[in-house]
Amino acid sequence: MHDTPPSRATPSGTLRVALFAGLAAAAGSRTVEVAWDGGTVAGLRRRLVAAHPALADLLARSAVAIDDTYAAEDAVIPAAAGVAIIPPVSGG
């Protein structure tokens, strides 16, 4: 369990989103910020792709977690939520 959630909205209405593995590499950072006044997971994906086109392919196949719980595309992301995007992993 995290002592601090992986992301939090800043007071200015910006949602900080934690990225992992290939997503972090494509964005050049382990976190990105998106102007946020509320919306769904699907809306967050659209905003991220608009701001960071290099994320599009991997983002479409990645899971989104809100406050440590995987979320569906229609899940609402509250302004103060912790959000992380986890790309698919493979193992052998």
Protein backbone atom coordinates (compact mmCIF):
# COMPACT_ATOMS: atom_id res chain seq x y z
CA MET A 1 0.00 0.00 0.00
CA HIS A 2 1.19 3.53 -0.68
CA ASP A 3 1.86 6.00 2.10
CA THR A 4 0.93 8.70 -0.41
CA PRO A 5 -1.28 8.12 -3.44
CA PRO A 6 0.60 8.09 -6.77
CA SER A 7 -1.10 11.27 -7.91
CA ARG A 8 -3.23 14.09 -6.58
CA ALA A 9 -5.02 17.05 -8.05
CA THR A 10 -3.26 20.31 -7.39
CA PRO A 11 -5.21 23.23 -5.94
CA SER A 12 -5.34 24.88 -9.38
CA GLY A 13 -7.55 22.11 -10.86
CA THR A 14 -4.71 20.13 -12.41
CA LEU A 15 -4.79 16.35 -12.12
CA ARG A 16 -1.38 14.76 -11.69
CA VAL A 17 -1.30 11.32 -13.30
CA ALA A 18 1.36 8.71 -12.50
CA LEU A 19 2.74 6.81 -15.51
CA PHE A 20 4.67 3.56 -15.48
CA ALA A 21 7.06 1.64 -17.74
CA GLY A 22 6.66 2.42 -21.46
CA LEU A 23 4.17 5.21 -20.78
CA ALA A 24 6.69 7.06 -18.61
CA ALA A 25 9.35 6.56 -21.29
CA ALA A 26 7.06 7.87 -24.05
CA ALA A 27 6.08 10.93 -21.98
CA GLY A 28 9.62 11.53 -20.75
CA SER A 29 8.33 11.70 -17.18
CA ARG A 30 6.79 9.48 -14.50
CA THR A 31 4.00 12.03 -14.04
CA VAL A 32 2.01 14.31 -16.32
CA GLU A 33 -0.46 17.02 -15.42
CA VAL A 34 -3.82 17.59 -17.08
CA ALA A 35 -6.24 20.49 -16.52
CA TRP A 36 -9.08 18.80 -14.65
CA ASP A 37 -12.51 19.99 -13.60
CA GLY A 38 -13.90 16.46 -13.47
CA GLY A 39 -14.74 13.78 -15.99
CA THR A 40 -14.41 10.10 -16.78
CA VAL A 41 -11.54 7.75 -17.47
CA ALA A 42 -12.38 7.94 -21.19
CA GLY A 43 -12.20 11.73 -21.01
CA LEU A 44 -8.84 11.55 -19.27
CA ARG A 45 -7.50 9.29 -22.01
CA ARG A 46 -8.62 11.80 -24.68
CA ARG A 47 -6.97 14.70 -22.84
CA LEU A 48 -3.74 12.77 -22.37
CA VAL A 49 -3.54 11.83 -26.05
CA ALA A 50 -4.26 15.42 -27.08
CA ALA A 51 -1.44 16.68 -24.84
CA HIS A 52 0.96 13.76 -25.41
CA PRO A 53 0.31 12.07 -28.80
CA ALA A 54 3.21 9.65 -28.26
CA LEU A 55 1.13 7.95 -25.54
CA ALA A 56 -1.79 7.05 -27.83
CA ASP A 57 -1.00 3.44 -28.78
CA LEU A 58 0.12 2.23 -25.37
CA LEU A 59 -2.47 4.29 -23.50
CA ALA A 60 -5.29 2.57 -25.41
CA ARG A 61 -4.15 -0.80 -23.98
CA SER A 62 -3.38 0.39 -20.45
CA ALA A 63 -5.36 0.11 -17.23
CA VAL A 64 -6.35 3.18 -15.23
CA ALA A 65 -6.47 3.06 -11.46
CA ILE A 66 -8.31 5.59 -9.32
CA ASP A 67 -7.20 5.58 -5.69
CA ASP A 68 -5.58 2.14 -6.04
CA THR A 69 -8.62 0.50 -7.73
CA TYR A 70 -8.84 -0.34 -11.44
CA ALA A 71 -11.54 1.73 -13.12
CA ALA A 72 -13.87 1.28 -16.10
CA GLU A 73 -13.98 3.80 -18.94
CA ASP A 74 -17.16 5.41 -17.60
CA ALA A 75 -15.83 5.79 -14.04
CA VAL A 76 -15.82 9.38 -12.82
CA ILE A 77 -12.46 10.70 -11.63
CA PRO A 78 -12.94 13.10 -8.71
CA ALA A 79 -10.76 16.21 -8.67
CA ALA A 80 -8.72 15.01 -5.68
CA ALA A 81 -8.28 11.40 -6.84
CA GLY A 82 -5.03 9.52 -7.05
CA VAL A 83 -4.68 8.35 -10.67
CA ALA A 84 -2.16 5.93 -12.14
CA ILE A 85 -1.97 4.42 -15.60
CA ILE A 86 -0.46 0.97 -15.85
CA PRO A 87 0.53 -0.47 -19.23
CA PRO A 88 0.05 -4.16 -19.94
CA VAL A 89 2.76 -6.45 -18.67
CA SER A 90 3.90 -9.78 -19.98
CA GLY A 91 5.62 -12.54 -18.13
CA GLY A 92 6.94 -15.93 -18.81
